[in-house]
Amino acid sequence: MTRIMGRQGADWWRGAVIYQIYPRSFQDTNGDGIGDLKGVIERLDYIASLNVDAIWLSPFFTSPMKDFGYDISDYRGVDPMFGSLEDFDRLVEAAHARGLRVTIDQVLSHTSDQHPWFAESRASRDNPKADWYVWADARPDGAPPTNWQSVFGGSAWQWDTRRCQYYLHNFLVEQPDLNFRNPAVVEAILGEVRFWLERGVDGFRLDAVNFCTHGELKDNPPRKEIVEGFIGVRPDNPYGFQLHHHDKTQPENLAFLEKLRALLDEYPGTTSVGEVGDDDSLGVMAAYTQGGKRLHMAYSFDLLGERHDPAFLRDTLTEMEARIGDGWPCWALGNHDVTRLASRWNAEGDAAKLRLYLAFLLTQRGSVCLYQGEELGLPEASLTFEQLVDPAGITFWPAYKGRDGCRTPLPWASRAEQAGFSGGAPWLPIPEAHRALAVDRQEADPEALLHATRALLAFRRGQPALVKGEVHYHPIRDEVLCLERHYQGQRLLVALNFSDQARELPAPRAAQALDAAPELVNGTWTNGRLRLPPYGIAIASCSTEEDQAWDV
């Protein structure tokens, strides 16, 4: 299948905006209450209207669904609940016809325990796939080989009576970890990636990519301080009690990433974005993307926590810039694993804040992932324990309610049955509060966040400095984050007011508001002064001459 190159060519991913689709909750076409690939095809015109460059499909592969598709039992199959391979092929063709590239999730570090590879591996200690997974003997007292913890709670080791050994699972018991120290495993995994490249996909989002290799079977040391959100887990999860020196982010992983990149380079115009959860996530992002021989880009949980004051944001971004060199970051403010942005950053029903956060995301150096529903400002859904299906929420209830609240179906029509998502009972309930934010309601309201999102994405697409430019940050002043973007002679000044008060700052006299900027860019530049309303946004072009320095 021919890939699209477009105006950006094979380098299209650098600065691209990727719209994340959680297929179970996007659009159902057969009335079973679960979204499917045909539903994605039906809504491609809507996605294209947002002015994004690509879609990212969360897993749709054959799976027992213990972790809703992140436990794969057949890498080359489409689970029947989502459709068929033919449906996927039609989706790729239809997306490409609209100028949208298609990236898909790949879960490489582990499989489902129902995968044929694991069934063979666990059968004995001497079968051809005996060491395709991470197996280890018990300690003399029968205890697990190490103190490693699972992200989902409890030991990362599960006893298996067939081999009388433990196997490693960094996530659910039903998600055994593959042994990437075995060259046959690496070649097999690369073969699964090639299968989808041959079907025309444009790239991969790589789940938990720093978990592919493990180190020596030694106990992890304890953390001196438990910090919420440092790797995307809460402080009440024992996973956060350790420094993860031995169970992930091992040097050997770099060799695998180089093999993966070499494969992708055989298919010009393809890309990769890795999810990194680590104590030093920014350092790992840098190491995984530098030099042009590993991942194209990576993202972490640094902006997916609750803290969002401008000083924290600036410190995170400047540290990333100082460390990443020629690497390339990808930024997201929400996804299928964290509380929805509007609730997490205290912006429920606050259009001005939501526009500010969108402008913040779209003016940083790097590519962007936008999670379905963020363009509508959806808040986190509140569910009862009986409504939960996420194993993490069920395990850690009531301190942590899991990820179901950000995964509820997208509301398309405010007055329709199941908000236009399905003709049947949905797999998760649709909150009544979401109906008021449905797509049809926002389409009819010129002031809605949906239109602001489209306008800002269209504006960004036309500004090379925002898409690919270098970045320089100024000190925070009166809760205003000020930065500059530079690219091939274009210089843009950006000011973002995180305060509920109007602000006035000095600015270069040569600063000129951009005629192409949408109305939500509401700051004014006059006679060397910048004026910002509460939660205001300002973007200007300016001469690059030294005497026009921005003294803030």
Protein backbone atom coordinates (compact mmCIF):
# COMPACT_ATOMS: atom_id res chain seq x y z
CA MET A 1 0.00 0.00 0.00
CA THR A 2 1.34 3.43 -0.96
CA ARG A 3 1.97 5.82 1.90
CA ILE A 4 1.23 9.51 1.75
CA MET A 5 4.10 11.93 2.10
CA GLY A 6 2.35 15.29 1.78
CA ARG A 7 4.02 18.66 2.12
CA GLN A 8 6.21 17.51 5.02
CA GLY A 9 7.59 14.45 3.21
CA ALA A 10 9.09 11.54 5.15
CA ASP A 11 9.77 13.95 8.01
CA TRP A 12 6.02 14.55 8.51
CA TRP A 13 6.11 13.31 12.11
CA ARG A 14 8.36 16.15 13.30
CA GLY A 15 5.85 18.57 14.80
CA ALA A 16 2.82 16.49 13.81
CA VAL A 17 -0.41 16.48 15.81
CA ILE A 18 -1.64 12.93 16.38
CA TYR A 19 -5.24 12.31 17.46
CA GLN A 20 -5.52 9.35 19.82
CA ILE A 21 -8.53 7.10 19.28
CA TYR A 22 -9.58 4.63 21.95
CA PRO A 23 -11.59 2.38 19.61
CA ARG A 24 -13.82 0.82 22.27
CA SER A 25 -15.23 4.27 23.04
CA PHE A 26 -15.16 6.10 19.72
CA GLN A 27 -18.10 4.88 17.58
CA ASP A 28 -20.07 1.63 17.61
CA THR A 29 -21.70 0.54 14.35
CA ASN A 30 -23.19 -2.87 15.22
CA GLY A 31 -25.06 -2.08 18.44
CA ASP A 32 -23.00 -4.22 20.80
CA GLY A 33 -21.98 -1.19 22.89
CA ILE A 34 -18.31 -1.40 21.89
CA GLY A 35 -16.70 0.89 19.35
CA ASP A 36 -15.22 -0.69 16.24
CA LEU A 37 -13.05 -0.01 13.20
CA LYS A 38 -16.04 0.70 10.98
CA GLY A 39 -16.98 3.37 13.51
CA VAL A 40 -13.59 4.99 13.08
CA ILE A 41 -14.07 4.97 9.31
CA GLU A 42 -17.48 6.64 9.72
CA ARG A 43 -15.92 9.47 11.73
CA LEU A 44 -12.80 10.13 9.65
CA ASP A 45 -14.29 13.29 8.16
CA TYR A 46 -14.74 14.65 11.68
CA ILE A 47 -11.16 13.79 12.58
CA ALA A 48 -9.83 15.39 9.40
CA SER A 49 -11.86 18.53 10.18
CA LEU A 50 -9.84 18.99 13.37
CA ASN A 51 -6.74 19.74 11.28
CA VAL A 52 -4.64 16.96 12.80
CA ASP A 53 -1.99 15.07 10.85
CA ALA A 54 -2.47 11.49 11.98
CA ILE A 55 -4.47 9.14 14.16
CA TRP A 56 -3.20 6.74 16.80
CA LEU A 57 -5.35 3.68 17.33
CA SER A 58 -5.18 2.08 20.76
CA PRO A 59 -5.04 -1.75 20.54
CA PHE A 60 -7.61 -3.53 18.40
CA PHE A 61 -5.72 -6.84 18.23
CA THR A 62 -7.03 -10.26 19.21
CA SER A 63 -7.06 -10.33 23.00
CA PRO A 64 -8.78 -11.80 26.08
CA MET A 65 -9.23 -8.13 27.08
CA LYS A 66 -7.95 -8.52 30.63
CA ASP A 67 -6.28 -5.12 30.09
CA PHE A 68 -8.57 -4.08 27.24
CA GLY A 69 -6.29 -5.00 24.37
CA TYR A 70 -2.91 -4.36 25.94
CA ASP A 71 -2.77 -8.14 26.47
CA ILE A 72 -2.34 -9.43 22.92
CA SER A 73 -2.91 -13.07 22.01
CA ASP A 74 -2.42 -12.57 18.25
CA TYR A 75 -0.34 -9.65 17.00
CA ARG A 76 -1.63 -10.10 13.44
CA GLY A 77 -5.32 -10.46 14.18
CA VAL A 78 -8.13 -7.95 14.67
CA ASP A 79 -10.31 -8.91 17.60
CA PRO A 80 -13.81 -9.72 16.28
CA MET A 81 -15.35 -7.11 18.57
CA PHE A 82 -13.54 -4.46 16.52
CA GLY A 83 -14.03 -6.00 13.07
CA SER A 84 -11.63 -7.68 10.66
CA LEU A 85 -8.32 -7.19 8.89
CA GLU A 86 -10.31 -6.13 5.85
CA ASP A 87 -11.93 -3.40 7.95
CA PHE A 88 -8.48 -2.25 9.03
CA ASP A 89 -7.26 -2.14 5.44
CA ARG A 90 -10.29 -0.03 4.48
CA LEU A 91 -9.59 2.27 7.41
CA VAL A 92 -6.01 2.87 6.28
CA GLU A 93 -7.13 3.52 2.73
CA ALA A 94 -9.89 5.89 3.83
CA ALA A 95 -7.60 7.76 6.22
CA HIS A 96 -4.91 8.19 3.58
CA ALA A 97 -7.53 9.51 1.16
CA ARG A 98 -8.19 12.30 3.67
CA GLY A 99 -4.52 13.07 4.22
CA LEU A 100 -4.47 11.36 7.61
CA ARG A 101 -1.67 8.98 8.52
CA VAL A 102 -2.37 5.93 10.65
CA THR A 103 -0.27 4.95 13.65
CA ILE A 104 -1.14 1.95 15.80
CA ASP A 105 -0.29 0.75 19.28
CA GLN A 106 2.30 -1.98 19.58
CA VAL A 107 2.71 -3.80 22.90
CA LEU A 108 6.13 -5.35 22.53
CA SER A 109 7.32 -5.97 26.08
CA HIS A 110 4.69 -8.57 26.96
CA THR A 111 1.88 -10.68 25.52
CA SER A 112 -1.29 -12.20 26.87
CA ASP A 113 -0.92 -15.48 28.74
CA GLN A 114 -3.25 -16.82 26.03
CA HIS A 115 -0.71 -16.18 23.28
CA PRO A 116 0.48 -19.45 21.67
CA TRP A 117 4.08 -18.47 22.41
CA PHE A 118 3.38 -18.47 26.13
CA ALA A 119 1.33 -21.64 26.02
CA GLU A 120 4.37 -23.39 24.54
CA SER A 121 6.86 -21.66 26.82
CA ARG A 122 5.10 -22.66 30.02
CA ALA A 123 4.63 -26.28 28.95
CA SER A 124 8.14 -27.35 29.95
CA ARG A 125 11.68 -26.14 30.58
CA ASP A 126 13.11 -27.65 27.42
CA ASN A 127 10.68 -26.83 24.60
CA PRO A 128 11.70 -24.60 21.65
CA LYS A 129 10.16 -21.52 23.28
CA ALA A 130 11.13 -22.35 26.86
CA ASP A 131 13.16 -19.15 27.23
CA TRP A 132 10.94 -16.84 25.17
CA TYR A 133 9.62 -15.39 28.44
CA VAL A 134 11.37 -14.37 31.66
CA TRP A 135 11.42 -17.44 33.91
CA ALA A 136 13.33 -17.85 37.18
CA ASP A 137 13.59 -20.30 40.05
CA ALA A 138 12.18 -19.53 43.47
CA ARG A 139 14.46 -18.46 46.29
CA PRO A 140 15.37 -21.27 48.70
CA ASP A 141 12.38 -20.40 50.88
CA GLY A 142 9.97 -20.43 47.93
CA ALA A 143 9.73 -16.65 47.68
CA PRO A 144 9.82 -14.86 44.31
CA PRO A 145 13.26 -14.37 42.74
CA THR A 146 13.32 -10.62 43.50
CA ASN A 147 11.27 -7.95 45.23
CA TRP A 148 10.11 -6.42 41.94
CA GLN A 149 6.57 -5.03 41.99
CA SER A 150 3.87 -5.07 39.34
CA VAL A 151 2.48 -1.73 38.15
CA PHE A 152 -0.97 -3.14 38.92
CA GLY A 153 -0.09 -4.12 42.49
CA GLY A 154 1.68 -7.01 44.20
CA SER A 155 4.70 -9.03 43.16
CA ALA A 156 5.82 -8.89 39.54
CA TRP A 157 6.41 -12.66 39.71
CA GLN A 158 3.77 -15.37 39.30
CA TRP A 159 4.33 -19.03 40.23
CA ASP A 160 3.58 -21.55 37.50
CA THR A 161 3.08 -25.20 38.44
CA ARG A 162 3.84 -26.52 34.96
CA ARG A 163 7.49 -25.51 35.18
CA CYS A 164 7.70 -25.01 38.95
CA GLN A 165 9.17 -21.60 38.26
CA TYR A 166 8.11 -17.98 38.45
CA TYR A 167 7.48 -15.85 35.37
CA LEU A 168 7.83 -12.08 35.24
CA HIS A 169 4.84 -9.80 34.64
CA ASN A 170 5.40 -6.08 35.03
CA PHE A 171 1.68 -5.51 34.61
CA LEU A 172 -1.18 -8.00 35.10
CA VAL A 173 -0.58 -11.65 35.94
CA GLU A 174 -2.13 -12.35 32.53
CA GLN A 175 0.60 -10.27 30.80
CA PRO A 176 3.85 -12.28 30.95
CA ASP A 177 7.01 -10.44 29.90
CA LEU A 178 8.88 -11.54 26.81
CA ASN A 179 12.60 -12.29 27.11
CA PHE A 180 14.33 -9.78 24.84
CA ARG A 181 17.69 -11.30 25.75
CA ASN A 182 16.76 -14.13 23.38
CA PRO A 183 17.59 -13.14 19.76
CA ALA A 184 14.76 -15.33 18.49
CA VAL A 185 12.27 -13.26 20.45
CA VAL A 186 13.62 -10.02 19.02
CA GLU A 187 13.36 -11.37 15.47
CA ALA A 188 9.84 -12.65 16.09
CA ILE A 189 8.71 -9.29 17.46
CA LEU A 190 10.25 -7.44 14.53
CA GLY A 191 8.35 -9.80 12.27
CA GLU A 192 5.08 -8.78 13.93
CA VAL A 193 5.96 -5.11 13.36
CA ARG A 194 6.82 -5.79 9.72
CA PHE A 195 3.40 -7.39 9.21
CA TRP A 196 1.69 -4.06 9.89
CA LEU A 197 4.24 -2.05 7.93
CA GLU A 198 3.39 -4.20 4.94
CA ARG A 199 -0.29 -3.35 5.47
CA GLY A 200 0.51 0.35 5.10
CA VAL A 201 0.60 1.74 8.62
CA ASP A 202 2.54 4.96 8.98
CA GLY A 203 3.91 4.43 12.46
CA PHE A 204 3.66 2.93 15.91
CA ARG A 205 2.98 4.12 19.41
CA LEU A 206 5.09 1.78 21.53
CA ASP A 207 3.51 0.91 24.84
CA ALA A 208 5.79 0.81 27.91
CA VAL A 209 8.78 0.72 25.57
CA ASN A 210 11.39 0.94 28.36
CA PHE A 211 10.09 -2.32 29.86
CA CYS A 212 11.33 -4.55 27.03
CA THR A 213 14.53 -5.66 28.76
CA HIS A 214 15.23 -6.57 32.38
CA GLY A 215 18.49 -6.51 34.27
CA GLU A 216 20.11 -8.83 36.76
CA LEU A 217 17.73 -10.64 39.08
CA LYS A 218 18.57 -8.42 42.04
CA ASP A 219 16.29 -6.61 44.48
CA ASN A 220 15.42 -3.01 43.69
CA PRO A 221 16.42 -0.54 46.43
CA PRO A 222 13.69 1.45 48.22
CA ARG A 223 12.84 5.03 47.34
CA LYS A 224 13.51 7.55 50.07
CA GLU A 225 10.54 9.65 49.01
CA ILE A 226 7.35 8.60 47.30
CA VAL A 227 6.41 11.25 44.75
CA GLU A 228 2.98 11.12 43.16
CA GLY A 229 3.03 10.88 39.40
CA PHE A 230 6.78 10.37 39.02
CA ILE A 231 6.12 7.38 36.76
CA GLY A 232 2.37 7.61 36.36
CA VAL A 233 1.41 5.68 39.51
CA ARG A 234 -0.12 6.93 42.73
CA PRO A 235 1.74 7.04 46.07
CA ASP A 236 -0.59 4.35 47.48
CA ASN A 237 0.72 1.86 44.91
CA PRO A 238 3.70 -0.16 46.23
CA TYR A 239 5.26 0.02 42.76
CA GLY A 240 6.26 3.57 43.69
CA PHE A 241 8.12 2.42 46.81
CA GLN A 242 11.14 1.24 44.79
CA LEU A 243 13.89 2.67 42.61
CA HIS A 244 13.53 0.57 39.48
CA HIS A 245 17.19 -0.12 38.81
CA HIS A 246 16.92 -3.69 37.61
CA ASP A 247 13.44 -4.41 36.23
CA LYS A 248 13.28 -1.94 33.32
CA THR A 249 15.14 0.75 31.32
CA GLN A 250 18.21 -1.40 30.83
CA PRO A 251 21.08 -0.49 28.48
CA GLU A 252 20.33 -3.56 26.34
CA ASN A 253 17.07 -1.94 25.32
CA LEU A 254 18.97 0.56 23.20
CA ALA A 255 20.24 -2.23 20.96
CA PHE A 256 16.68 -3.44 20.41
CA LEU A 257 15.47 0.07 19.58
CA GLU A 258 18.22 0.37 16.99
CA LYS A 259 17.05 -2.85 15.35
CA LEU A 260 13.50 -1.55 15.38
CA ARG A 261 14.55 1.77 13.83
CA ALA A 262 16.49 -0.05 11.12
CA LEU A 263 13.30 -1.91 10.23
CA LEU A 264 11.24 1.28 10.12
CA ASP A 265 13.86 2.92 7.93
CA GLU A 266 13.12 0.26 5.31
CA TYR A 267 9.70 1.92 4.98
CA PRO A 268 10.24 5.65 4.28
CA GLY A 269 7.65 7.91 5.85
CA THR A 270 7.02 5.73 8.90
CA THR A 271 7.60 6.79 12.49
CA SER A 272 7.63 5.68 16.12
CA VAL A 273 6.71 7.29 19.44
CA GLY A 274 7.61 5.52 22.64
CA GLU A 275 5.81 5.72 25.96
CA VAL A 276 8.33 6.12 28.79
CA GLY A 277 7.51 5.58 32.45
CA ASP A 278 10.66 5.96 34.51
CA ASP A 279 12.20 7.72 37.51
CA ASP A 280 14.28 9.75 35.03
CA SER A 281 11.75 9.91 32.21
CA LEU A 282 13.23 13.00 30.54
CA GLY A 283 16.66 11.40 30.43
CA VAL A 284 15.21 8.24 28.93
CA MET A 285 13.28 10.27 26.35
CA ALA A 286 16.55 11.92 25.35
CA ALA A 287 18.51 8.65 25.18
CA TYR A 288 15.78 6.90 23.20
CA THR A 289 15.49 9.61 20.51
CA GLN A 290 18.99 11.01 20.06
CA GLY A 291 21.21 10.29 17.09
CA GLY A 292 18.52 9.35 14.59
CA LYS A 293 19.03 5.62 15.11
CA ARG A 294 16.50 4.73 17.80
CA LEU A 295 12.97 6.06 18.23
CA HIS A 296 11.77 9.05 16.25
CA MET A 297 10.14 10.54 19.36
CA ALA A 298 9.06 9.69 22.89
CA TYR A 299 6.68 10.97 25.55
CA SER A 300 6.44 10.55 29.30
CA PHE A 301 4.07 11.18 32.21
CA ASP A 302 5.69 14.47 33.20
CA LEU A 303 2.77 16.57 31.93
CA LEU A 304 0.14 13.96 32.77
CA GLY A 305 0.00 14.62 36.51
CA GLU A 306 -1.97 17.18 38.48
CA ARG A 307 0.68 19.87 38.76
CA HIS A 308 0.38 22.54 36.07
CA ASP A 309 1.66 25.82 37.46
CA PRO A 310 3.77 27.75 34.92
CA ALA A 311 7.00 27.35 36.93
CA PHE A 312 6.67 23.56 36.92
CA LEU A 313 5.83 23.51 33.22
CA ARG A 314 8.76 25.75 32.33
CA ASP A 315 11.19 23.75 34.48
CA THR A 316 10.08 20.48 32.85
CA LEU A 317 10.36 21.85 29.35
CA THR A 318 13.69 23.59 29.85
CA GLU A 319 15.17 20.45 31.38
CA MET A 320 13.96 18.48 28.37
CA GLU A 321 15.54 20.98 26.00
CA ALA A 322 18.83 20.86 27.91
CA ARG A 323 19.01 17.08 27.68
CA ILE A 324 17.43 15.99 24.42
CA GLY A 325 19.99 17.38 21.95
CA ASP A 326 19.03 16.28 18.44
CA GLY A 327 16.26 14.06 19.78
CA TRP A 328 12.59 14.93 19.49
CA PRO A 329 9.91 14.96 22.19
CA CYS A 330 6.20 14.30 21.90
CA TRP A 331 3.91 16.05 24.38
CA ALA A 332 0.47 15.09 25.64
CA LEU A 333 -1.78 16.51 28.34
CA GLY A 334 -4.11 13.52 28.42
CA ASN A 335 -4.57 9.93 27.31
CA HIS A 336 -6.44 6.73 28.14
CA ASP A 337 -4.42 6.15 31.35
CA VAL A 338 -4.92 9.39 33.29
CA THR A 339 -7.72 11.58 34.64
CA ARG A 340 -9.13 13.78 31.90
CA LEU A 341 -7.36 17.10 31.46
CA ALA A 342 -10.37 19.30 32.27
CA SER A 343 -10.72 17.67 35.69
CA ARG A 344 -7.03 17.08 36.43
CA TRP A 345 -6.06 20.70 35.74
CA ASN A 346 -9.15 22.27 37.37
CA ALA A 347 -10.80 23.50 34.19
CA GLU A 348 -14.19 21.79 34.14
CA GLY A 349 -16.57 24.08 32.29
CA ASP A 350 -13.91 26.80 32.05
CA ALA A 351 -13.47 27.54 28.36
CA ALA A 352 -10.75 30.14 28.90
CA LYS A 353 -8.55 27.73 30.85
CA LEU A 354 -9.10 24.95 28.33
CA ARG A 355 -8.13 27.23 25.45
CA LEU A 356 -5.01 28.26 27.37
CA TYR A 357 -3.98 24.65 27.99
CA LEU A 358 -4.51 23.84 24.32
CA ALA A 359 -2.41 26.84 23.28
CA PHE A 360 0.29 25.79 25.73
CA LEU A 361 0.42 22.29 24.26
CA LEU A 362 0.48 23.47 20.65
CA THR A 363 3.21 26.09 21.07
CA GLN A 364 5.88 23.80 22.54
CA ARG A 365 8.77 22.28 20.61
CA GLY A 366 7.86 18.73 19.71
CA SER A 367 5.03 16.67 18.32
CA VAL A 368 1.65 16.44 20.01
CA CYS A 369 -0.81 13.72 20.97
CA LEU A 370 -4.40 14.89 21.46
CA TYR A 371 -6.69 12.40 23.20
CA GLN A 372 -10.23 11.97 21.91
CA GLY A 373 -12.63 14.24 23.79
CA GLU A 374 -10.03 16.87 24.69
CA GLU A 375 -11.30 18.94 21.79
CA LEU A 376 -14.69 18.90 23.57
CA GLY A 377 -13.36 19.66 27.06
CA LEU A 378 -14.83 16.46 28.51
CA PRO A 379 -14.43 16.15 32.29
CA GLU A 380 -13.60 12.90 34.08
CA ALA A 381 -16.62 10.62 34.44
CA SER A 382 -17.57 9.65 37.98
CA LEU A 383 -18.35 5.92 38.28
CA THR A 384 -19.45 3.67 41.09
CA PHE A 385 -17.42 0.61 42.08
CA GLU A 386 -20.06 -1.59 40.45
CA GLN A 387 -19.54 0.19 37.12
CA LEU A 388 -15.76 -0.26 37.07
CA VAL A 389 -14.12 -2.64 34.63
CA ASP A 390 -10.50 -1.44 34.83
CA PRO A 391 -8.45 -3.95 36.86
CA ALA A 392 -6.31 -1.15 38.31
CA GLY A 393 -9.36 0.66 39.64
CA ILE A 394 -10.84 -2.50 41.08
CA THR A 395 -7.54 -3.37 42.81
CA PHE A 396 -6.85 0.07 44.32
CA TRP A 397 -10.43 1.18 45.10
CA PRO A 398 -11.38 3.47 46.79
CA ALA A 399 -8.12 5.44 46.90
CA TYR A 400 -7.80 5.13 43.12
CA LYS A 401 -10.80 4.67 40.85
CA GLY A 402 -8.81 3.52 37.86
CA ARG A 403 -8.86 4.66 34.27
CA ASP A 404 -12.50 4.08 33.35
CA GLY A 405 -13.39 7.72 34.00
CA CYS A 406 -11.34 8.89 31.01
CA ARG A 407 -12.44 6.03 28.75
CA THR A 408 -16.21 6.53 28.60
CA PRO A 409 -17.72 6.72 25.09
CA LEU A 410 -17.44 9.91 23.07
CA PRO A 411 -20.72 11.86 22.96
CA TRP A 412 -21.68 12.62 19.37
CA ALA A 413 -25.32 13.71 19.63
CA SER A 414 -26.68 15.34 22.78
CA ARG A 415 -30.25 14.04 22.50
CA ALA A 416 -29.69 10.72 20.77
CA GLU A 417 -29.80 7.30 22.39
CA GLN A 418 -26.45 6.67 24.10
CA ALA A 419 -25.39 10.13 22.85
CA GLY A 420 -25.03 8.78 19.32
CA PHE A 421 -22.25 6.38 20.28
CA SER A 422 -24.22 3.13 19.99
CA GLY A 423 -27.66 1.66 19.51
CA GLY A 424 -27.06 -0.64 22.45
CA ALA A 425 -25.97 -0.38 26.07
CA PRO A 426 -22.37 0.94 26.06
CA TRP A 427 -19.53 -0.93 27.75
CA LEU A 428 -19.10 2.06 30.08
CA PRO A 429 -21.89 4.52 30.96
CA ILE A 430 -22.06 7.90 29.26
CA PRO A 431 -22.35 10.69 31.86
CA GLU A 432 -25.29 13.05 31.47
CA ALA A 433 -22.83 15.93 31.87
CA HIS A 434 -21.12 14.86 28.66
CA ARG A 435 -24.28 15.31 26.60
CA ALA A 436 -24.07 19.08 26.97
CA LEU A 437 -20.58 18.87 25.44
CA ALA A 438 -21.55 16.55 22.58
CA VAL A 439 -20.14 17.14 19.12
CA ASP A 440 -23.47 18.24 17.62
CA ARG A 441 -24.01 20.78 20.40
CA GLN A 442 -20.53 22.25 19.92
CA GLU A 443 -20.79 22.27 16.13
CA ALA A 444 -23.78 24.59 16.52
CA ASP A 445 -21.98 26.95 18.94
CA PRO A 446 -19.33 29.21 17.35
CA GLU A 447 -17.83 29.87 20.81
CA ALA A 448 -17.39 26.17 21.65
CA LEU A 449 -14.01 24.64 22.41
CA LEU A 450 -14.34 22.37 19.37
CA HIS A 451 -14.15 25.37 17.02
CA ALA A 452 -11.31 26.89 19.01
CA THR A 453 -9.40 23.62 18.70
CA ARG A 454 -9.87 23.52 14.93
CA ALA A 455 -8.84 27.15 14.59
CA LEU A 456 -5.70 26.83 16.68
CA LEU A 457 -4.64 23.61 14.95
CA ALA A 458 -5.13 25.22 11.53
CA PHE A 459 -3.12 28.26 12.65
CA ARG A 460 -0.30 26.11 14.04
CA ARG A 461 -0.10 24.13 10.81
CA GLY A 462 0.62 27.35 8.94
CA GLN A 463 3.42 28.52 11.25
CA PRO A 464 6.70 26.67 10.55
CA ALA A 465 8.26 28.05 13.73
CA LEU A 466 5.56 26.37 15.84
CA VAL A 467 5.82 23.08 13.98
CA LYS A 468 9.59 22.63 13.75
CA GLY A 469 11.27 25.63 15.33
CA GLU A 470 13.74 25.89 18.16
CA VAL A 471 12.49 27.18 21.49
CA HIS A 472 13.77 29.58 24.14
CA TYR A 473 12.05 30.16 27.50
CA HIS A 474 12.05 33.34 29.56
CA PRO A 475 11.68 33.48 33.34
CA ILE A 476 8.13 33.26 34.69
CA ARG A 477 6.74 36.68 35.49
CA ASP A 478 3.37 37.21 37.23
CA GLU A 479 2.30 33.66 36.30
CA VAL A 480 2.91 34.31 32.61
CA LEU A 481 4.89 31.74 30.64
CA CYS A 482 6.85 33.45 27.87
CA LEU A 483 8.74 31.66 25.12
CA GLU A 484 10.11 32.21 21.65
CA ARG A 485 10.09 29.91 18.63
CA HIS A 486 12.59 30.33 15.78
CA TYR A 487 12.73 28.67 12.38
CA GLN A 488 14.47 29.77 9.16
CA GLY A 489 14.20 33.47 9.91
CA GLN A 490 10.73 33.34 11.46
CA ARG A 491 10.60 34.47 15.08
CA LEU A 492 7.44 34.08 17.13
CA LEU A 493 6.83 35.38 20.64
CA VAL A 494 4.35 33.42 22.78
CA ALA A 495 2.91 34.53 26.12
CA LEU A 496 0.49 32.40 28.15
CA ASN A 497 -1.23 33.87 31.20
CA PHE A 498 -1.92 31.17 33.80
CA SER A 499 -3.45 33.75 36.14
CA ASP A 500 -7.09 34.72 36.66
CA GLN A 501 -5.93 38.34 36.59
CA ALA A 502 -5.08 40.54 33.63
CA ARG A 503 -1.34 41.04 33.11
CA GLU A 504 0.81 43.65 31.39
CA LEU A 505 4.44 42.99 30.40
CA PRO A 506 7.16 44.74 28.38
CA ALA A 507 7.54 43.55 24.80
CA PRO A 508 9.69 44.41 21.77
CA ARG A 509 8.30 47.43 19.92
CA ALA A 510 8.62 45.48 16.70
CA ALA A 511 6.27 42.74 17.93
CA GLN A 512 3.27 42.44 15.63
CA ALA A 513 0.15 40.37 16.17
CA LEU A 514 -0.37 37.80 13.44
CA ASP A 515 -3.31 38.43 11.14
CA ALA A 516 -3.77 34.68 10.72
CA ALA A 517 -4.14 34.07 14.47
CA PRO A 518 -7.59 32.91 15.61
CA GLU A 519 -9.72 35.00 17.97
CA LEU A 520 -8.71 32.92 20.98
CA VAL A 521 -5.25 34.51 20.65
CA ASN A 522 -6.48 37.55 22.56
CA GLY A 523 -3.41 39.36 23.88
CA THR A 524 -2.47 42.75 22.43
CA TRP A 525 0.98 44.10 21.52
CA THR A 526 1.19 47.91 21.51
CA ASN A 527 4.15 50.30 21.78
CA GLY A 528 6.42 47.90 23.60
CA ARG A 529 3.73 46.57 25.95
CA LEU A 530 1.92 43.24 26.01
CA ARG A 531 -1.52 43.08 27.61
CA LEU A 532 -3.13 39.76 28.46
CA PRO A 533 -6.62 39.10 29.81
CA PRO A 534 -7.10 36.42 32.48
CA TYR A 535 -5.92 33.08 31.05
CA GLY A 536 -5.01 35.04 27.94
CA ILE A 537 -2.94 33.94 24.97
CA ALA A 538 -0.64 36.14 22.88
CA ILE A 539 1.41 35.28 19.82
CA ALA A 540 3.38 37.80 17.74
CA SER A 541 5.98 37.87 15.03
CA CYS A 542 9.08 39.92 15.62
CA SER A 543 12.34 40.89 14.02
CA THR A 544 15.26 38.64 14.91
CA GLU A 545 17.53 41.63 15.35
CA GLU A 546 19.40 41.71 18.64
CA ASP A 547 18.01 45.14 19.61
CA GLN A 548 14.57 43.61 19.67
CA ALA A 549 15.38 41.36 22.64
CA TRP A 550 12.35 40.45 24.73
CA ASP A 551 13.21 41.84 28.14
CA VAL A 552 10.83 40.02 30.48
